[in-house]
Amino acid sequence: SFNDPAGMCPECDGVGRTVHLDLDRAVDWSKSLNEGALLLPGLSVGSWEWNLYGGSGRFDNDLPLGEFGAEERRLLLHGSGFTVRLDLRTGSADM
């Protein structure tokens, strides 16, 4: 039950459902970051959220994501705790 943590389902944490990301609908593996491979809302090329990936310096922005190595793919999908400096109109920020 949601009200008693001891009785919560370990899969859904008592919510009653789970949510899973369909990577093939979120990522176009045939495109590079610069070509718009990230299909989720807010991640259009040049947006500040896209810059968290494209501006990180961790990826070849012109390489199709399907050609990324295992480590690059893991970093793209799961991250590694690194920060990215964003230059904004009002200053800069580390994200």
PDB file of N, CA and C in Angstrom:
ATOM      1  N   SER A   1       0.832  -1.182   0.000  1.00  0.00           N
ATOM      2  CA  SER A   1       0.000   0.000   0.000  1.00  0.00           C
ATOM      3  C   SER A   1       0.879   1.249   0.000  1.00  0.00           C
ATOM      4  N   PHE A   2       0.391   2.299  -0.614  1.00  0.00           N
ATOM      5  CA  PHE A   2       1.134   3.553  -0.693  1.00  0.00           C
ATOM      6  C   PHE A   2       1.309   4.186   0.683  1.00  0.00           C
ATOM      7  N   ASN A   3       0.327   3.965   1.571  1.00  0.00           N
ATOM      8  CA  ASN A   3       0.363   4.583   2.895  1.00  0.00           C
ATOM      9  C   ASN A   3       1.356   3.925   3.837  1.00  0.00           C
ATOM     10  N   ASP A   4       1.748   2.711   3.563  1.00  0.00           N
ATOM     11  CA  ASP A   4       2.684   1.988   4.419  1.00  0.00           C
ATOM     12  C   ASP A   4       3.876   1.554   3.583  1.00  0.00           C
ATOM     13  N   PRO A   5       5.021   2.205   3.756  1.00  0.00           N
ATOM     14  CA  PRO A   5       6.192   1.870   2.937  1.00  0.00           C
ATOM     15  C   PRO A   5       6.562   0.394   2.971  1.00  0.00           C
ATOM     16  N   ALA A   6       6.278  -0.289   4.057  1.00  0.00           N
ATOM     17  CA  ALA A   6       6.610  -1.716   4.147  1.00  0.00           C
ATOM     18  C   ALA A   6       5.789  -2.538   3.160  1.00  0.00           C
ATOM     19  N   GLY A   7       4.631  -2.039   2.776  1.00  0.00           N
ATOM     20  CA  GLY A   7       3.767  -2.775   1.857  1.00  0.00           C
ATOM     21  C   GLY A   7       3.843  -2.299   0.421  1.00  0.00           C
ATOM     22  N   MET A   8       4.737  -1.348   0.135  1.00  0.00           N
ATOM     23  CA  MET A   8       4.841  -0.808  -1.223  1.00  0.00           C
ATOM     24  C   MET A   8       5.399  -1.829  -2.194  1.00  0.00           C
ATOM     25  N   CYS A   9       4.847  -1.828  -3.375  1.00  0.00           N
ATOM     26  CA  CYS A   9       5.387  -2.638  -4.461  1.00  0.00           C
ATOM     27  C   CYS A   9       6.764  -2.080  -4.820  1.00  0.00           C
ATOM     28  N   PRO A  10       7.793  -2.925  -4.896  1.00  0.00           N
ATOM     29  CA  PRO A  10       9.130  -2.416  -5.220  1.00  0.00           C
ATOM     30  C   PRO A  10       9.255  -1.915  -6.662  1.00  0.00           C
ATOM     31  N   GLU A  11       8.367  -2.344  -7.540  1.00  0.00           N
ATOM     32  CA  GLU A  11       8.423  -1.900  -8.937  1.00  0.00           C
ATOM     33  C   GLU A  11       7.857  -0.499  -9.121  1.00  0.00           C
ATOM     34  N   CYS A  12       6.718  -0.210  -8.478  1.00  0.00           N
ATOM     35  CA  CYS A  12       6.039   1.067  -8.721  1.00  0.00           C
ATOM     36  C   CYS A  12       6.067   1.998  -7.512  1.00  0.00           C
ATOM     37  N   ASP A  13       6.708   1.593  -6.432  1.00  0.00           N
ATOM     38  CA  ASP A  13       6.756   2.385  -5.198  1.00  0.00           C
ATOM     39  C   ASP A  13       5.367   2.744  -4.691  1.00  0.00           C
ATOM     40  N   GLY A  14       4.417   1.835  -4.872  1.00  0.00           N
ATOM     41  CA  GLY A  14       3.076   2.031  -4.351  1.00  0.00           C
ATOM     42  C   GLY A  14       2.173   2.889  -5.202  1.00  0.00           C
ATOM     43  N   VAL A  15       2.640   3.365  -6.342  1.00  0.00           N
ATOM     44  CA  VAL A  15       1.840   4.234  -7.200  1.00  0.00           C
ATOM     45  C   VAL A  15       0.835   3.432  -8.028  1.00  0.00           C
ATOM     46  N   GLY A  16       1.159   2.192  -8.331  1.00  0.00           N
ATOM     47  CA  GLY A  16       0.243   1.351  -9.091  1.00  0.00           C
ATOM     48  C   GLY A  16       0.580   1.214 -10.559  1.00  0.00           C
ATOM     49  N   ARG A  17       1.612   1.903 -11.009  1.00  0.00           N
ATOM     50  CA  ARG A  17       2.049   1.765 -12.396  1.00  0.00           C
ATOM     51  C   ARG A  17       3.503   2.203 -12.507  1.00  0.00           C
ATOM     52  N   THR A  18       4.136   1.764 -13.575  1.00  0.00           N
ATOM     53  CA  THR A  18       5.509   2.168 -13.853  1.00  0.00           C
ATOM     54  C   THR A  18       5.547   2.862 -15.207  1.00  0.00           C
ATOM     55  N   VAL A  19       6.537   3.684 -15.397  1.00  0.00           N
ATOM     56  CA  VAL A  19       6.701   4.410 -16.654  1.00  0.00           C
ATOM     57  C   VAL A  19       8.067   4.046 -17.221  1.00  0.00           C
ATOM     58  N   HIS A  20       8.093   3.719 -18.502  1.00  0.00           N
ATOM     59  CA  HIS A  20       9.344   3.354 -19.165  1.00  0.00           C
ATOM     60  C   HIS A  20       9.514   4.212 -20.410  1.00  0.00           C
ATOM     61  N   LEU A  21      10.724   4.605 -20.677  1.00  0.00           N
ATOM     62  CA  LEU A  21      11.041   5.404 -21.857  1.00  0.00           C
ATOM     63  C   LEU A  21      11.320   4.484 -23.037  1.00  0.00           C
ATOM     64  N   ASP A  22      10.650   4.722 -24.158  1.00  0.00           N
ATOM     65  CA  ASP A  22      10.914   3.997 -25.396  1.00  0.00           C
ATOM     66  C   ASP A  22      12.022   4.759 -26.132  1.00  0.00           C
ATOM     67  N   LEU A  23      13.255   4.260 -26.020  1.00  0.00           N
ATOM     68  CA  LEU A  23      14.403   4.966 -26.596  1.00  0.00           C
ATOM     69  C   LEU A  23      14.268   5.212 -28.089  1.00  0.00           C
ATOM     70  N   ASP A  24      13.620   4.304 -28.798  1.00  0.00           N
ATOM     71  CA  ASP A  24      13.486   4.481 -30.243  1.00  0.00           C
ATOM     72  C   ASP A  24      12.526   5.611 -30.601  1.00  0.00           C
ATOM     73  N   ARG A  25      11.708   6.050 -29.637  1.00  0.00           N
ATOM     74  CA  ARG A  25      10.845   7.210 -29.871  1.00  0.00           C
ATOM     75  C   ARG A  25      11.481   8.491 -29.337  1.00  0.00           C
ATOM     76  N   ALA A  26      12.509   8.350 -28.498  1.00  0.00           N
ATOM     77  CA  ALA A  26      13.175   9.501 -27.896  1.00  0.00           C
ATOM     78  C   ALA A  26      14.455   9.886 -28.627  1.00  0.00           C
ATOM     79  N   VAL A  27      15.032   8.918 -29.356  1.00  0.00           N
ATOM     80  CA  VAL A  27      16.322   9.130 -30.011  1.00  0.00           C
ATOM     81  C   VAL A  27      16.255   8.589 -31.434  1.00  0.00           C
ATOM     82  N   ASP A  28      16.719   9.385 -32.393  1.00  0.00           N
ATOM     83  CA  ASP A  28      16.873   8.902 -33.769  1.00  0.00           C
ATOM     84  C   ASP A  28      18.338   8.512 -33.924  1.00  0.00           C
ATOM     85  N   TRP A  29      18.609   7.211 -33.849  1.00  0.00           N
ATOM     86  CA  TRP A  29      19.974   6.690 -33.842  1.00  0.00           C
ATOM     87  C   TRP A  29      20.712   6.948 -35.150  1.00  0.00           C
ATOM     88  N   SER A  30      19.984   7.281 -36.231  1.00  0.00           N
ATOM     89  CA  SER A  30      20.632   7.528 -37.525  1.00  0.00           C
ATOM     90  C   SER A  30      21.129   8.965 -37.661  1.00  0.00           C
ATOM     91  N   LYS A  31      20.766   9.833 -36.716  1.00  0.00           N
ATOM     92  CA  LYS A  31      21.152  11.243 -36.778  1.00  0.00           C
ATOM     93  C   LYS A  31      22.193  11.575 -35.714  1.00  0.00           C
ATOM     94  N   SER A  32      22.908  12.656 -35.962  1.00  0.00           N
ATOM     95  CA  SER A  32      23.861  13.187 -34.983  1.00  0.00           C
ATOM     96  C   SER A  32      23.122  14.162 -34.058  1.00  0.00           C
ATOM     97  N   LEU A  33      23.796  14.583 -33.000  1.00  0.00           N
ATOM     98  CA  LEU A  33      23.209  15.595 -32.120  1.00  0.00           C
ATOM     99  C   LEU A  33      22.896  16.861 -32.908  1.00  0.00           C
ATOM    100  N   ASN A  34      23.818  17.270 -33.796  1.00  0.00           N
ATOM    101  CA  ASN A  34      23.604  18.478 -34.601  1.00  0.00           C
ATOM    102  C   ASN A  34      22.459  18.333 -35.593  1.00  0.00           C
ATOM    103  N   GLU A  35      22.124  17.110 -35.950  1.00  0.00           N
ATOM    104  CA  GLU A  35      21.028  16.866 -36.899  1.00  0.00           C
ATOM    105  C   GLU A  35      19.689  16.678 -36.192  1.00  0.00           C
ATOM    106  N   GLY A  36      19.667  16.769 -34.868  1.00  0.00           N
ATOM    107  CA  GLY A  36      18.411  16.650 -34.135  1.00  0.00           C
ATOM    108  C   GLY A  36      18.077  15.245 -33.688  1.00  0.00           C
ATOM    109  N   ALA A  37      19.065  14.466 -33.289  1.00  0.00           N
ATOM    110  CA  ALA A  37      18.843  13.079 -32.874  1.00  0.00           C
ATOM    111  C   ALA A  37      18.006  12.957 -31.606  1.00  0.00           C
ATOM    112  N   LEU A  38      18.015  13.977 -30.757  1.00  0.00           N
ATOM    113  CA  LEU A  38      17.244  13.929 -29.513  1.00  0.00           C
ATOM    114  C   LEU A  38      15.835  14.430 -29.804  1.00  0.00           C
ATOM    115  N   LEU A  39      14.851  13.549 -29.687  1.00  0.00           N
ATOM    116  CA  LEU A  39      13.496  13.832 -30.143  1.00  0.00           C
ATOM    117  C   LEU A  39      12.544  14.296 -29.045  1.00  0.00           C
ATOM    118  N   LEU A  40      13.000  14.337 -27.812  1.00  0.00           N
ATOM    119  CA  LEU A  40      12.128  14.733 -26.711  1.00  0.00           C
ATOM    120  C   LEU A  40      11.869  16.236 -26.732  1.00  0.00           C
ATOM    121  N   PRO A  41      10.677  16.650 -26.273  1.00  0.00           N
ATOM    122  CA  PRO A  41      10.379  18.085 -26.227  1.00  0.00           C
ATOM    123  C   PRO A  41      11.432  18.834 -25.413  1.00  0.00           C
ATOM    124  N   GLY A  42      11.804  20.005 -25.877  1.00  0.00           N
ATOM    125  CA  GLY A  42      12.785  20.827 -25.185  1.00  0.00           C
ATOM    126  C   GLY A  42      14.217  20.552 -25.587  1.00  0.00           C
ATOM    127  N   LEU A  43      14.452  19.505 -26.380  1.00  0.00           N
ATOM    128  CA  LEU A  43      15.815  19.151 -26.760  1.00  0.00           C
ATOM    129  C   LEU A  43      16.108  19.451 -28.226  1.00  0.00           C
ATOM    130  N   SER A  44      15.426  20.450 -28.780  1.00  0.00           N
ATOM    131  CA  SER A  44      15.704  20.813 -30.169  1.00  0.00           C
ATOM    132  C   SER A  44      17.099  21.429 -30.254  1.00  0.00           C
ATOM    133  N   VAL A  45      17.739  21.266 -31.396  1.00  0.00           N
ATOM    134  CA  VAL A  45      19.114  21.733 -31.597  1.00  0.00           C
ATOM    135  C   VAL A  45      19.215  23.219 -31.260  1.00  0.00           C
ATOM    136  N   GLY A  46      20.173  23.548 -30.411  1.00  0.00           N
ATOM    137  CA  GLY A  46      20.411  24.930 -30.025  1.00  0.00           C
ATOM    138  C   GLY A  46      19.686  25.370 -28.770  1.00  0.00           C
ATOM    139  N   SER A  47      18.708  24.591 -28.292  1.00  0.00           N
ATOM    140  CA  SER A  47      18.006  24.962 -27.063  1.00  0.00           C
ATOM    141  C   SER A  47      18.961  24.828 -25.877  1.00  0.00           C
ATOM    142  N   TRP A  48      18.646  25.479 -24.779  1.00  0.00           N
ATOM    143  CA  TRP A  48      19.567  25.417 -23.639  1.00  0.00           C
ATOM    144  C   TRP A  48      19.673  23.999 -23.108  1.00  0.00           C
ATOM    145  N   GLU A  49      18.578  23.224 -23.147  1.00  0.00           N
ATOM    146  CA  GLU A  49      18.646  21.833 -22.691  1.00  0.00           C
ATOM    147  C   GLU A  49      19.507  20.990 -23.634  1.00  0.00           C
ATOM    148  N   TRP A  50      19.396  21.230 -24.951  1.00  0.00           N
ATOM    149  CA  TRP A  50      20.240  20.518 -25.911  1.00  0.00           C
ATOM    150  C   TRP A  50      21.711  20.813 -25.630  1.00  0.00           C
ATOM    151  N   ASN A  51      22.006  22.051 -25.240  1.00  0.00           N
ATOM    152  CA  ASN A  51      23.388  22.440 -24.957  1.00  0.00           C
ATOM    153  C   ASN A  51      23.996  21.669 -23.790  1.00  0.00           C
ATOM    154  N   LEU A  52      23.167  21.097 -22.917  1.00  0.00           N
ATOM    155  CA  LEU A  52      23.699  20.236 -21.856  1.00  0.00           C
ATOM    156  C   LEU A  52      24.417  19.041 -22.464  1.00  0.00           C
ATOM    157  N   TYR A  53      23.963  18.601 -23.626  1.00  0.00           N
ATOM    158  CA  TYR A  53      24.597  17.483 -24.333  1.00  0.00           C
ATOM    159  C   TYR A  53      25.575  18.006 -25.383  1.00  0.00           C
ATOM    160  N   GLY A  54      25.053  18.786 -26.315  1.00  0.00           N
ATOM    161  CA  GLY A  54      25.863  19.263 -27.432  1.00  0.00           C
ATOM    162  C   GLY A  54      26.991  20.190 -27.028  1.00  0.00           C
ATOM    163  N   GLY A  55      26.807  20.922 -25.951  1.00  0.00           N
ATOM    164  CA  GLY A  55      27.829  21.852 -25.495  1.00  0.00           C
ATOM    165  C   GLY A  55      28.742  21.298 -24.419  1.00  0.00           C
ATOM    166  N   SER A  56      28.553  20.038 -24.075  1.00  0.00           N
ATOM    167  CA  SER A  56      29.325  19.453 -22.972  1.00  0.00           C
ATOM    168  C   SER A  56      30.768  19.148 -23.350  1.00  0.00           C
ATOM    169  N   GLY A  57      31.039  18.997 -24.659  1.00  0.00           N
ATOM    170  CA  GLY A  57      32.372  18.605 -25.092  1.00  0.00           C
ATOM    171  C   GLY A  57      32.644  17.119 -24.915  1.00  0.00           C
ATOM    172  N   ARG A  58      31.653  16.364 -24.470  1.00  0.00           N
ATOM    173  CA  ARG A  58      31.821  14.933 -24.222  1.00  0.00           C
ATOM    174  C   ARG A  58      31.476  14.075 -25.440  1.00  0.00           C
ATOM    175  N   PHE A  59      30.823  14.683 -26.434  1.00  0.00           N
ATOM    176  CA  PHE A  59      30.329  13.915 -27.575  1.00  0.00           C
ATOM    177  C   PHE A  59      30.764  14.552 -28.888  1.00  0.00           C
ATOM    178  N   ASP A  60      30.880  13.720 -29.927  1.00  0.00           N
ATOM    179  CA  ASP A  60      31.097  14.216 -31.285  1.00  0.00           C
ATOM    180  C   ASP A  60      29.720  14.586 -31.820  1.00  0.00           C
ATOM    181  N   ASN A  61      29.426  15.871 -31.887  1.00  0.00           N
ATOM    182  CA  ASN A  61      28.095  16.335 -32.272  1.00  0.00           C
ATOM    183  C   ASN A  61      27.721  16.014 -33.711  1.00  0.00           C
ATOM    184  N   ASP A  62      28.695  15.620 -34.537  1.00  0.00           N
ATOM    185  CA  ASP A  62      28.426  15.313 -35.940  1.00  0.00           C
ATOM    186  C   ASP A  62      28.359  13.816 -36.222  1.00  0.00           C
ATOM    187  N   LEU A  63      28.610  12.989 -35.227  1.00  0.00           N
ATOM    188  CA  LEU A  63      28.586  11.532 -35.389  1.00  0.00           C
ATOM    189  C   LEU A  63      27.180  11.009 -35.106  1.00  0.00           C
ATOM    190  N   PRO A  64      26.600  10.209 -36.016  1.00  0.00           N
ATOM    191  CA  PRO A  64      25.288   9.618 -35.729  1.00  0.00           C
ATOM    192  C   PRO A  64      25.338   8.831 -34.415  1.00  0.00           C
ATOM    193  N   LEU A  65      24.290   8.954 -33.614  1.00  0.00           N
ATOM    194  CA  LEU A  65      24.289   8.311 -32.301  1.00  0.00           C
ATOM    195  C   LEU A  65      24.427   6.803 -32.396  1.00  0.00           C
ATOM    196  N   GLY A  66      23.971   6.211 -33.486  1.00  0.00           N
ATOM    197  CA  GLY A  66      24.118   4.773 -33.681  1.00  0.00           C
ATOM    198  C   GLY A  66      25.566   4.337 -33.802  1.00  0.00           C
ATOM    199  N   GLU A  67      26.467   5.282 -34.062  1.00  0.00           N
ATOM    200  CA  GLU A  67      27.892   4.978 -34.168  1.00  0.00           C
ATOM    201  C   GLU A  67      28.653   5.298 -32.882  1.00  0.00           C
ATOM    202  N   PHE A  68      27.946   5.778 -31.859  1.00  0.00           N
ATOM    203  CA  PHE A  68      28.589   6.028 -30.569  1.00  0.00           C
ATOM    204  C   PHE A  68      29.069   4.706 -29.998  1.00  0.00           C
ATOM    205  N   GLY A  69      30.201   4.741 -29.306  1.00  0.00           N
ATOM    206  CA  GLY A  69      30.686   3.574 -28.588  1.00  0.00           C
ATOM    207  C   GLY A  69      29.847   3.350 -27.337  1.00  0.00           C
ATOM    208  N   ALA A  70      30.064   2.229 -26.676  1.00  0.00           N
ATOM    209  CA  ALA A  70      29.287   1.872 -25.487  1.00  0.00           C
ATOM    210  C   ALA A  70      29.404   2.937 -24.397  1.00  0.00           C
ATOM    211  N   GLU A  71      30.603   3.470 -24.175  1.00  0.00           N
ATOM    212  CA  GLU A  71      30.797   4.470 -23.118  1.00  0.00           C
ATOM    213  C   GLU A  71      30.111   5.787 -23.464  1.00  0.00           C
ATOM    214  N   GLU A  72      30.205   6.224 -24.723  1.00  0.00           N
ATOM    215  CA  GLU A  72      29.517   7.454 -25.141  1.00  0.00           C
ATOM    216  C   GLU A  72      28.008   7.298 -24.995  1.00  0.00           C
ATOM    217  N   ARG A  73      27.494   6.155 -25.379  1.00  0.00           N
ATOM    218  CA  ARG A  73      26.056   5.907 -25.278  1.00  0.00           C
ATOM    219  C   ARG A  73      25.612   5.924 -23.816  1.00  0.00           C
ATOM    220  N   ARG A  74      26.426   5.305 -22.944  1.00  0.00           N
ATOM    221  CA  ARG A  74      26.100   5.286 -21.516  1.00  0.00           C
ATOM    222  C   ARG A  74      26.091   6.711 -20.953  1.00  0.00           C
ATOM    223  N   LEU A  75      27.087   7.513 -21.326  1.00  0.00           N
ATOM    224  CA  LEU A  75      27.139   8.898 -20.857  1.00  0.00           C
ATOM    225  C   LEU A  75      25.944   9.706 -21.351  1.00  0.00           C
ATOM    226  N   LEU A  76      25.574   9.508 -22.605  1.00  0.00           N
ATOM    227  CA  LEU A  76      24.448  10.235 -23.173  1.00  0.00           C
ATOM    228  C   LEU A  76      23.149   9.891 -22.455  1.00  0.00           C
ATOM    229  N   LEU A  77      22.924   8.613 -22.216  1.00  0.00           N
ATOM    230  CA  LEU A  77      21.655   8.162 -21.647  1.00  0.00           C
ATOM    231  C   LEU A  77      21.595   8.249 -20.126  1.00  0.00           C
ATOM    232  N   HIS A  78      22.731   8.081 -19.455  1.00  0.00           N
ATOM    233  CA  HIS A  78      22.714   7.986 -17.990  1.00  0.00           C
ATOM    234  C   HIS A  78      23.558   9.038 -17.292  1.00  0.00           C
ATOM    235  N   GLY A  79      24.451   9.706 -18.011  1.00  0.00           N
ATOM    236  CA  GLY A  79      25.304  10.726 -17.411  1.00  0.00           C
ATOM    237  C   GLY A  79      26.376  10.135 -16.520  1.00  0.00           C
ATOM    238  N   SER A  80      27.167  11.015 -15.926  1.00  0.00           N
ATOM    239  CA  SER A  80      28.235  10.542 -15.043  1.00  0.00           C
ATOM    240  C   SER A  80      28.507  11.507 -13.905  1.00  0.00           C
ATOM    241  N   GLY A  81      27.639  12.455 -13.694  1.00  0.00           N
ATOM    242  CA  GLY A  81      27.832  13.400 -12.612  1.00  0.00           C
ATOM    243  C   GLY A  81      28.687  14.602 -12.982  1.00  0.00           C
ATOM    244  N   PHE A  82      29.100  14.720 -14.261  1.00  0.00           N
ATOM    245  CA  PHE A  82      29.893  15.882 -14.657  1.00  0.00           C
ATOM    246  C   PHE A  82      28.994  17.108 -14.787  1.00  0.00           C
ATOM    247  N   THR A  83      29.593  18.281 -14.704  1.00  0.00           N
ATOM    248  CA  THR A  83      28.835  19.518 -14.853  1.00  0.00           C
ATOM    249  C   THR A  83      29.174  20.167 -16.189  1.00  0.00           C
ATOM    250  N   VAL A  84      28.243  20.956 -16.673  1.00  0.00           N
ATOM    251  CA  VAL A  84      28.401  21.670 -17.936  1.00  0.00           C
ATOM    252  C   VAL A  84      28.188  23.152 -17.657  1.00  0.00           C
ATOM    253  N   ARG A  85      29.072  23.997 -18.158  1.00  0.00           N
ATOM    254  CA  ARG A  85      28.921  25.445 -17.986  1.00  0.00           C
ATOM    255  C   ARG A  85      28.093  25.985 -19.145  1.00  0.00           C
ATOM    256  N   LEU A  86      26.995  26.659 -18.798  1.00  0.00           N
ATOM    257  CA  LEU A  86      26.128  27.274 -19.794  1.00  0.00           C
ATOM    258  C   LEU A  86      26.312  28.780 -19.743  1.00  0.00           C
ATOM    259  N   ASP A  87      26.466  29.389 -20.898  1.00  0.00           N
ATOM    260  CA  ASP A  87      26.521  30.842 -20.987  1.00  0.00           C
ATOM    261  C   ASP A  87      25.137  31.335 -21.370  1.00  0.00           C
ATOM    262  N   LEU A  88      24.532  32.100 -20.474  1.00  0.00           N
ATOM    263  CA  LEU A  88      23.179  32.606 -20.660  1.00  0.00           C
ATOM    264  C   LEU A  88      23.225  34.118 -20.823  1.00  0.00           C
ATOM    265  N   ARG A  89      22.141  34.698 -21.279  1.00  0.00           N
ATOM    266  CA  ARG A  89      22.088  36.154 -21.431  1.00  0.00           C
ATOM    267  C   ARG A  89      22.320  36.871 -20.102  1.00  0.00           C
ATOM    268  N   THR A  90      21.886  36.240 -19.026  1.00  0.00           N
ATOM    269  CA  THR A  90      22.005  36.865 -17.708  1.00  0.00           C
ATOM    270  C   THR A  90      23.274  36.463 -16.973  1.00  0.00           C
ATOM    271  N   GLY A  91      24.150  35.726 -17.625  1.00  0.00           N
ATOM    272  CA  GLY A  91      25.388  35.266 -16.995  1.00  0.00           C
ATOM    273  C   GLY A  91      25.661  33.831 -17.376  1.00  0.00           C
ATOM    274  N   SER A  92      26.358  33.119 -16.528  1.00  0.00           N
ATOM    275  CA  SER A  92      26.642  31.719 -16.817  1.00  0.00           C
ATOM    276  C   SER A  92      26.250  30.877 -15.614  1.00  0.00           C
ATOM    277  N   ALA A  93      26.083  29.580 -15.858  1.00  0.00           N
ATOM    278  CA  ALA A  93      25.681  28.667 -14.791  1.00  0.00           C
ATOM    279  C   ALA A  93      26.308  27.308 -15.031  1.00  0.00           C
ATOM    280  N   ASP A  94      26.642  26.635 -13.960  1.00  0.00           N
ATOM    281  CA  ASP A  94      27.122  25.252 -14.039  1.00  0.00           C
ATOM    282  C   ASP A  94      25.945  24.343 -13.762  1.00  0.00           C
ATOM    283  N   MET A  95      25.705  23.419 -14.689  1.00  0.00           N
ATOM    284  CA  MET A  95      24.579  22.490 -14.532  1.00  0.00           C
ATOM    285  C   MET A  95      25.121  21.085 -14.482  1.00  0.00           C
TER     286      MET A  95
END
